[in-house]
Amino acid sequence: MRASRLFVNNDDMHIKSDTLARENELVARNVRRFRLERAMSLGELARRSGLSKQTLSKIEQGVGNPTVETLSLLGTALDVPARRLLTEWGTPVYVQRQGEGEWSEAANWTERLLDETYGSGYVRTLVLRLERGDRDPEPIPAHSAGTLHHLYVITGKLRTGPLNEAVDLAAGDFVRFPGDVPHRHVCLSERVVAHVVTTLPQVRQFGPTVMKGGVVPPSA
């Protein structure tokens, strides 16, 4: 007879960190994201991990203070290494509405900062035009790990973002969302025009050069 698993409650324990709140928020986003990607309910995650639904609910709200043991149980249940729960994957969906933007004045122009990203890599800029159809378009497959989409609506209304975190936008709204998960653009008005910037982390463009007696990297 298979023994039942005991529920573990770690509500009074926490990760030791100088930025505990930010760590907890990061874990909360990742646990919820991986759970939703797997179409898994809190109850199912509780069953697989041995953690109580109350503990899981607090973790997803960013107030659960999970221990390393808890992260290990969650990683096993979600089929990901525990360290991925403490890594920013694509960053959360970020929305800036038309009325929330701040304009800065310079000598000959004014500008509205939409977002900032850091690091080097591949950047693709395009203008997206959509027309409303009879059915929602098929989901766009996930791109390479770390891909981000930055979308600014010029005209029309649009529903866009990860399948489980889509947001409705109007002209003047901006959103940044991870492109390394399935996502979709749905036209909510007759037509939509949007400006899209896609960023991908820097990757090696050429493989190592094989030479007699060993391997020499391209930079050698």
C-alpha atoms as a PDB file:
ATOM      1  CA  MET A   1       0.000   0.000   0.000  1.00  0.00           C
ATOM      2  CA  ARG A   2       1.379   3.350  -1.004  1.00  0.00           C
ATOM      3  CA  ALA A   3       1.974   5.669   1.947  1.00  0.00           C
ATOM      4  CA  SER A   4       0.255   9.039   1.801  1.00  0.00           C
ATOM      5  CA  ARG A   5       2.514  12.088   1.609  1.00  0.00           C
ATOM      6  CA  LEU A   6       2.600  14.499   4.513  1.00  0.00           C
ATOM      7  CA  PHE A   7       1.901  18.162   3.835  1.00  0.00           C
ATOM      8  CA  VAL A   8       4.804  20.440   4.643  1.00  0.00           C
ATOM      9  CA  ASN A   9       4.047  23.909   5.972  1.00  0.00           C
ATOM     10  CA  ASN A  10       7.019  26.276   5.866  1.00  0.00           C
ATOM     11  CA  ASP A  11       5.117  29.509   6.437  1.00  0.00           C
ATOM     12  CA  ASP A  12       7.417  30.561   9.287  1.00  0.00           C
ATOM     13  CA  MET A  13      10.640  29.884   7.395  1.00  0.00           C
ATOM     14  CA  HIS A  14      12.271  31.927   4.656  1.00  0.00           C
ATOM     15  CA  ILE A  15      15.144  32.316   2.242  1.00  0.00           C
ATOM     16  CA  LYS A  16      17.960  34.279   3.817  1.00  0.00           C
ATOM     17  CA  SER A  17      18.518  37.267   1.560  1.00  0.00           C
ATOM     18  CA  ASP A  18      19.147  40.989   1.791  1.00  0.00           C
ATOM     19  CA  THR A  19      16.290  41.442  -0.695  1.00  0.00           C
ATOM     20  CA  LEU A  20      13.759  38.957   0.668  1.00  0.00           C
ATOM     21  CA  ALA A  21      10.713  40.732  -0.763  1.00  0.00           C
ATOM     22  CA  ARG A  22      12.173  40.775  -4.288  1.00  0.00           C
ATOM     23  CA  GLU A  23      13.257  37.123  -4.023  1.00  0.00           C
ATOM     24  CA  ASN A  24       9.768  36.120  -2.899  1.00  0.00           C
ATOM     25  CA  GLU A  25       8.153  38.076  -5.739  1.00  0.00           C
ATOM     26  CA  LEU A  26      10.466  36.362  -8.230  1.00  0.00           C
ATOM     27  CA  VAL A  27       9.637  32.904  -6.864  1.00  0.00           C
ATOM     28  CA  ALA A  28       5.930  33.816  -6.902  1.00  0.00           C
ATOM     29  CA  ARG A  29       6.018  34.798 -10.582  1.00  0.00           C
ATOM     30  CA  ASN A  30       7.959  31.705 -11.612  1.00  0.00           C
ATOM     31  CA  VAL A  31       5.871  29.204  -9.650  1.00  0.00           C
ATOM     32  CA  ARG A  32       2.656  30.662 -11.045  1.00  0.00           C
ATOM     33  CA  ARG A  33       4.077  30.816 -14.578  1.00  0.00           C
ATOM     34  CA  PHE A  34       5.363  27.232 -14.622  1.00  0.00           C
ATOM     35  CA  ARG A  35       2.155  25.963 -13.012  1.00  0.00           C
ATOM     36  CA  LEU A  36      -0.094  27.698 -15.554  1.00  0.00           C
ATOM     37  CA  GLU A  37       2.086  26.584 -18.472  1.00  0.00           C
ATOM     38  CA  ARG A  38       1.474  23.014 -17.332  1.00  0.00           C
ATOM     39  CA  ALA A  39      -2.279  23.631 -16.907  1.00  0.00           C
ATOM     40  CA  MET A  40      -1.862  22.566 -13.274  1.00  0.00           C
ATOM     41  CA  SER A  41      -4.228  23.626 -10.479  1.00  0.00           C
ATOM     42  CA  LEU A  42      -3.023  24.562  -7.003  1.00  0.00           C
ATOM     43  CA  GLY A  43      -4.542  21.329  -5.771  1.00  0.00           C
ATOM     44  CA  GLU A  44      -2.589  19.272  -8.297  1.00  0.00           C
ATOM     45  CA  LEU A  45       0.641  21.100  -7.447  1.00  0.00           C
ATOM     46  CA  ALA A  46      -0.049  20.456  -3.768  1.00  0.00           C
ATOM     47  CA  ARG A  47      -0.532  16.754  -4.467  1.00  0.00           C
ATOM     48  CA  ARG A  48       2.684  16.494  -6.472  1.00  0.00           C
ATOM     49  CA  SER A  49       4.841  18.545  -4.127  1.00  0.00           C
ATOM     50  CA  GLY A  50       3.462  17.486  -0.759  1.00  0.00           C
ATOM     51  CA  LEU A  51       2.944  21.137   0.185  1.00  0.00           C
ATOM     52  CA  SER A  52      -0.375  22.446   1.440  1.00  0.00           C
ATOM     53  CA  LYS A  53      -2.591  24.555  -0.832  1.00  0.00           C
ATOM     54  CA  GLN A  54      -2.405  27.330   1.784  1.00  0.00           C
ATOM     55  CA  THR A  55       1.395  27.341   1.601  1.00  0.00           C
ATOM     56  CA  LEU A  56       1.334  27.347  -2.214  1.00  0.00           C
ATOM     57  CA  SER A  57      -1.203  30.173  -2.295  1.00  0.00           C
ATOM     58  CA  LYS A  58       1.028  32.300  -0.055  1.00  0.00           C
ATOM     59  CA  ILE A  59       4.069  31.528  -2.205  1.00  0.00           C
ATOM     60  CA  GLU A  60       2.230  32.649  -5.364  1.00  0.00           C
ATOM     61  CA  GLN A  61       1.201  35.849  -3.583  1.00  0.00           C
ATOM     62  CA  GLY A  62       4.836  36.569  -2.758  1.00  0.00           C
ATOM     63  CA  VAL A  63       4.381  36.240   1.008  1.00  0.00           C
ATOM     64  CA  GLY A  64       5.215  32.559   1.502  1.00  0.00           C
ATOM     65  CA  ASN A  65       8.911  32.813   2.472  1.00  0.00           C
ATOM     66  CA  PRO A  66       9.846  29.410   0.983  1.00  0.00           C
ATOM     67  CA  THR A  67      12.853  27.457   2.240  1.00  0.00           C
ATOM     68  CA  VAL A  68      15.413  25.755   0.031  1.00  0.00           C
ATOM     69  CA  GLU A  69      13.640  22.466   0.804  1.00  0.00           C
ATOM     70  CA  THR A  70      10.349  23.954  -0.383  1.00  0.00           C
ATOM     71  CA  LEU A  71      11.946  25.195  -3.610  1.00  0.00           C
ATOM     72  CA  SER A  72      13.351  21.720  -4.212  1.00  0.00           C
ATOM     73  CA  LEU A  73       9.909  20.145  -3.739  1.00  0.00           C
ATOM     74  CA  LEU A  74       8.354  22.715  -6.074  1.00  0.00           C
ATOM     75  CA  GLY A  75      11.042  22.211  -8.715  1.00  0.00           C
ATOM     76  CA  THR A  76      10.491  18.451  -8.683  1.00  0.00           C
ATOM     77  CA  ALA A  77       6.712  18.869  -8.899  1.00  0.00           C
ATOM     78  CA  LEU A  78       6.996  21.372 -11.774  1.00  0.00           C
ATOM     79  CA  ASP A  79       9.752  19.368 -13.514  1.00  0.00           C
ATOM     80  CA  VAL A  80      12.269  22.225 -13.488  1.00  0.00           C
ATOM     81  CA  PRO A  81      15.558  22.685 -11.602  1.00  0.00           C
ATOM     82  CA  ALA A  82      14.923  24.519  -8.332  1.00  0.00           C
ATOM     83  CA  ARG A  83      17.369  27.256  -9.394  1.00  0.00           C
ATOM     84  CA  ARG A  84      14.992  28.239 -12.214  1.00  0.00           C
ATOM     85  CA  LEU A  85      12.516  29.383  -9.602  1.00  0.00           C
ATOM     86  CA  LEU A  86      15.078  32.007  -8.552  1.00  0.00           C
ATOM     87  CA  THR A  87      15.969  33.131 -12.076  1.00  0.00           C
ATOM     88  CA  GLU A  88      14.220  35.878 -14.040  1.00  0.00           C
ATOM     89  CA  TRP A  89      12.969  34.169 -17.201  1.00  0.00           C
ATOM     90  CA  GLY A  90      11.762  36.737 -19.678  1.00  0.00           C
ATOM     91  CA  THR A  91      10.628  39.078 -16.858  1.00  0.00           C
ATOM     92  CA  PRO A  92       6.994  39.610 -15.932  1.00  0.00           C
ATOM     93  CA  VAL A  93       4.421  41.264 -18.172  1.00  0.00           C
ATOM     94  CA  TYR A  94       4.739  45.041 -17.798  1.00  0.00           C
ATOM     95  CA  VAL A  95       2.023  47.439 -19.005  1.00  0.00           C
ATOM     96  CA  GLN A  96       2.188  51.234 -19.259  1.00  0.00           C
ATOM     97  CA  ARG A  97      -1.148  52.817 -20.135  1.00  0.00           C
ATOM     98  CA  GLN A  98      -1.433  55.892 -22.329  1.00  0.00           C
ATOM     99  CA  GLY A  99      -2.336  58.125 -19.382  1.00  0.00           C
ATOM    100  CA  GLU A 100       0.476  56.807 -17.184  1.00  0.00           C
ATOM    101  CA  GLY A 101       3.410  57.799 -19.375  1.00  0.00           C
ATOM    102  CA  GLU A 102       5.544  60.779 -18.425  1.00  0.00           C
ATOM    103  CA  TRP A 103       6.864  63.161 -21.074  1.00  0.00           C
ATOM    104  CA  SER A 104      10.275  64.802 -20.642  1.00  0.00           C
ATOM    105  CA  GLU A 105      11.134  68.037 -22.383  1.00  0.00           C
ATOM    106  CA  ALA A 106      14.419  68.719 -24.148  1.00  0.00           C
ATOM    107  CA  ALA A 107      15.513  71.745 -26.179  1.00  0.00           C
ATOM    108  CA  ASN A 108      13.821  70.732 -29.421  1.00  0.00           C
ATOM    109  CA  TRP A 109      11.579  67.764 -28.574  1.00  0.00           C
ATOM    110  CA  THR A 110       9.649  65.889 -25.916  1.00  0.00           C
ATOM    111  CA  GLU A 111       9.980  62.172 -25.239  1.00  0.00           C
ATOM    112  CA  ARG A 112       8.099  59.464 -23.363  1.00  0.00           C
ATOM    113  CA  LEU A 113      10.206  56.633 -21.969  1.00  0.00           C
ATOM    114  CA  LEU A 114       8.441  53.302 -22.481  1.00  0.00           C
ATOM    115  CA  ASP A 115      10.978  50.830 -21.093  1.00  0.00           C
ATOM    116  CA  GLU A 116      14.680  50.072 -20.694  1.00  0.00           C
ATOM    117  CA  THR A 117      16.565  46.804 -21.189  1.00  0.00           C
ATOM    118  CA  TYR A 118      20.227  46.130 -20.570  1.00  0.00           C
ATOM    119  CA  GLY A 119      22.827  43.880 -22.128  1.00  0.00           C
ATOM    120  CA  SER A 120      23.725  43.020 -25.700  1.00  0.00           C
ATOM    121  CA  GLY A 121      22.090  40.761 -28.208  1.00  0.00           C
ATOM    122  CA  TYR A 122      19.859  40.656 -31.236  1.00  0.00           C
ATOM    123  CA  VAL A 123      17.250  43.411 -31.665  1.00  0.00           C
ATOM    124  CA  ARG A 124      14.448  43.294 -34.257  1.00  0.00           C
ATOM    125  CA  THR A 125      12.176  46.289 -34.868  1.00  0.00           C
ATOM    126  CA  LEU A 126       8.973  46.192 -36.932  1.00  0.00           C
ATOM    127  CA  VAL A 127       5.539  47.715 -37.479  1.00  0.00           C
ATOM    128  CA  LEU A 128       2.729  45.216 -36.953  1.00  0.00           C
ATOM    129  CA  ARG A 129      -0.582  45.576 -38.816  1.00  0.00           C
ATOM    130  CA  LEU A 130      -3.581  43.385 -37.986  1.00  0.00           C
ATOM    131  CA  GLU A 131      -7.190  43.120 -39.148  1.00  0.00           C
ATOM    132  CA  ARG A 132     -10.026  41.535 -37.215  1.00  0.00           C
ATOM    133  CA  GLY A 133     -10.959  38.045 -38.367  1.00  0.00           C
ATOM    134  CA  ASP A 134     -13.793  35.601 -37.705  1.00  0.00           C
ATOM    135  CA  ARG A 135     -11.654  33.543 -35.312  1.00  0.00           C
ATOM    136  CA  ASP A 136      -8.765  34.185 -32.975  1.00  0.00           C
ATOM    137  CA  PRO A 137      -5.397  33.563 -34.645  1.00  0.00           C
ATOM    138  CA  GLU A 138      -3.340  30.515 -33.750  1.00  0.00           C
ATOM    139  CA  PRO A 139      -0.823  30.935 -30.904  1.00  0.00           C
ATOM    140  CA  ILE A 140       2.706  31.964 -31.861  1.00  0.00           C
ATOM    141  CA  PRO A 141       5.214  29.297 -30.726  1.00  0.00           C
ATOM    142  CA  ALA A 142       7.750  30.167 -28.044  1.00  0.00           C
ATOM    143  CA  HIS A 143      10.941  31.848 -29.264  1.00  0.00           C
ATOM    144  CA  SER A 144      14.436  31.351 -27.854  1.00  0.00           C
ATOM    145  CA  ALA A 145      14.909  31.526 -24.073  1.00  0.00           C
ATOM    146  CA  GLY A 146      15.127  35.101 -22.828  1.00  0.00           C
ATOM    147  CA  THR A 147      13.230  36.658 -25.757  1.00  0.00           C
ATOM    148  CA  LEU A 148      11.264  39.810 -24.907  1.00  0.00           C
ATOM    149  CA  HIS A 149       8.590  41.585 -26.964  1.00  0.00           C
ATOM    150  CA  HIS A 150       8.102  45.335 -26.458  1.00  0.00           C
ATOM    151  CA  LEU A 151       4.857  46.475 -28.129  1.00  0.00           C
ATOM    152  CA  TYR A 152       3.434  50.004 -28.443  1.00  0.00           C
ATOM    153  CA  VAL A 153      -0.078  50.424 -29.911  1.00  0.00           C
ATOM    154  CA  ILE A 154      -0.257  53.227 -32.462  1.00  0.00           C
ATOM    155  CA  THR A 155      -3.911  52.828 -33.522  1.00  0.00           C
ATOM    156  CA  GLY A 156      -6.714  50.412 -32.682  1.00  0.00           C
ATOM    157  CA  LYS A 157      -7.253  47.924 -29.857  1.00  0.00           C
ATOM    158  CA  LEU A 158      -5.300  44.738 -29.307  1.00  0.00           C
ATOM    159  CA  ARG A 159      -5.182  41.721 -26.974  1.00  0.00           C
ATOM    160  CA  THR A 160      -1.642  40.418 -26.693  1.00  0.00           C
ATOM    161  CA  GLY A 161       0.814  38.578 -24.451  1.00  0.00           C
ATOM    162  CA  PRO A 162       1.364  35.069 -23.094  1.00  0.00           C
ATOM    163  CA  LEU A 163      -1.680  32.829 -23.463  1.00  0.00           C
ATOM    164  CA  ASN A 164      -2.285  32.837 -19.705  1.00  0.00           C
ATOM    165  CA  GLU A 165      -1.488  36.523 -19.137  1.00  0.00           C
ATOM    166  CA  ALA A 166      -2.899  38.350 -22.151  1.00  0.00           C
ATOM    167  CA  VAL A 167      -3.691  42.053 -21.703  1.00  0.00           C
ATOM    168  CA  ASP A 168      -6.037  44.374 -23.620  1.00  0.00           C
ATOM    169  CA  LEU A 169      -4.406  47.507 -25.003  1.00  0.00           C
ATOM    170  CA  ALA A 170      -5.558  50.663 -26.771  1.00  0.00           C
ATOM    171  CA  ALA A 171      -3.732  53.368 -28.717  1.00  0.00           C
ATOM    172  CA  GLY A 172      -0.935  54.834 -26.596  1.00  0.00           C
ATOM    173  CA  ASP A 173      -0.570  51.764 -24.362  1.00  0.00           C
ATOM    174  CA  PHE A 174       2.713  49.861 -24.057  1.00  0.00           C
ATOM    175  CA  VAL A 175       3.454  46.307 -22.932  1.00  0.00           C
ATOM    176  CA  ARG A 176       6.584  44.220 -22.440  1.00  0.00           C
ATOM    177  CA  PHE A 177       6.152  40.464 -22.150  1.00  0.00           C
ATOM    178  CA  PRO A 178       8.223  37.271 -22.474  1.00  0.00           C
ATOM    179  CA  GLY A 179       8.348  35.841 -25.985  1.00  0.00           C
ATOM    180  CA  ASP A 180       9.876  32.543 -24.857  1.00  0.00           C
ATOM    181  CA  VAL A 181       6.405  31.170 -24.067  1.00  0.00           C
ATOM    182  CA  PRO A 182       3.483  30.682 -26.513  1.00  0.00           C
ATOM    183  CA  HIS A 183       1.730  34.003 -27.108  1.00  0.00           C
ATOM    184  CA  ARG A 184      -0.830  35.596 -29.416  1.00  0.00           C
ATOM    185  CA  HIS A 185      -1.941  38.915 -30.958  1.00  0.00           C
ATOM    186  CA  VAL A 186      -5.734  39.336 -31.285  1.00  0.00           C
ATOM    187  CA  CYS A 187      -7.207  42.354 -33.075  1.00  0.00           C
ATOM    188  CA  LEU A 188     -10.093  43.812 -31.021  1.00  0.00           C
ATOM    189  CA  SER A 189     -10.932  46.655 -33.424  1.00  0.00           C
ATOM    190  CA  GLU A 190     -11.276  46.651 -37.196  1.00  0.00           C
ATOM    191  CA  ARG A 191      -7.551  47.319 -37.601  1.00  0.00           C
ATOM    192  CA  VAL A 192      -4.492  47.674 -35.402  1.00  0.00           C
ATOM    193  CA  VAL A 193      -1.108  49.227 -36.055  1.00  0.00           C
ATOM    194  CA  ALA A 194       1.601  48.629 -33.455  1.00  0.00           C
ATOM    195  CA  HIS A 195       5.345  49.134 -33.163  1.00  0.00           C
ATOM    196  CA  VAL A 196       7.168  46.028 -31.942  1.00  0.00           C
ATOM    197  CA  VAL A 197      10.751  45.626 -30.755  1.00  0.00           C
ATOM    198  CA  THR A 198      11.966  42.082 -30.080  1.00  0.00           C
ATOM    199  CA  THR A 199      15.159  41.516 -28.085  1.00  0.00           C
ATOM    200  CA  LEU A 200      17.071  38.258 -27.745  1.00  0.00           C
ATOM    201  CA  PRO A 201      20.103  37.606 -25.522  1.00  0.00           C
ATOM    202  CA  GLN A 202      23.454  37.468 -27.267  1.00  0.00           C
ATOM    203  CA  VAL A 203      24.303  34.002 -28.577  1.00  0.00           C
ATOM    204  CA  ARG A 204      27.382  32.522 -30.225  1.00  0.00           C
ATOM    205  CA  GLN A 205      27.044  32.948 -33.987  1.00  0.00           C
ATOM    206  CA  PHE A 206      29.720  30.453 -35.006  1.00  0.00           C
ATOM    207  CA  GLY A 207      30.709  27.130 -33.540  1.00  0.00           C
ATOM    208  CA  PRO A 208      34.232  26.368 -32.329  1.00  0.00           C
ATOM    209  CA  THR A 209      36.891  25.758 -34.949  1.00  0.00           C
ATOM    210  CA  VAL A 210      38.220  22.208 -34.886  1.00  0.00           C
ATOM    211  CA  MET A 211      41.946  22.026 -35.505  1.00  0.00           C
ATOM    212  CA  LYS A 212      44.457  19.222 -35.401  1.00  0.00           C
ATOM    213  CA  GLY A 213      45.421  18.522 -31.818  1.00  0.00           C
ATOM    214  CA  GLY A 214      42.489  20.302 -30.219  1.00  0.00           C
ATOM    215  CA  VAL A 215      39.661  22.786 -30.443  1.00  0.00           C
ATOM    216  CA  VAL A 216      40.345  26.498 -30.816  1.00  0.00           C
ATOM    217  CA  PRO A 217      37.502  28.932 -30.126  1.00  0.00           C
ATOM    218  CA  PRO A 218      36.710  31.590 -32.784  1.00  0.00           C
ATOM    219  CA  SER A 219      38.258  34.326 -30.641  1.00  0.00           C
ATOM    220  CA  ALA A 220      41.608  32.618 -30.532  1.00  0.00           C
END
